[in-house]
Amino acid sequence: MAWSLDIRNKAVKFLNSQDKSIQQRCKQALNTLIDYLDAGTLPFKELDIKRLSGAKDGSMRLRIGNIRFIFKIDLKSKTIKIFTIGYRGDVY
């Protein structure tokens, strides 16, 4: 079973409002994340992923330049749930 992305509408709108180069970098980072998950690892250092402090649901953040993705990985259903995408000051 392949990994699927579950992205909230607000996050999609933010991503679509960005330049094509930023969209490409974000898509490339997500594809890299999926490749690592297929291999059975989570690339904390390679993709600058950190667990959110105080988040009891296992939420993490992915940093791509000054853009942040807030997401959660569901291993059972092989789904990456992206809650928020935005600039550093707006996301937290």
Foldseek 3Di string as FASTA:
>chain_A
DAAEEAEDPQQVVVLVVDDPVVVVQVVVLVVVQRVQVVVPDGCCPVFVKDFDPPDPVRWIWTDDPQKIWIWHADPVVNYIYTYHIDGNVPPD
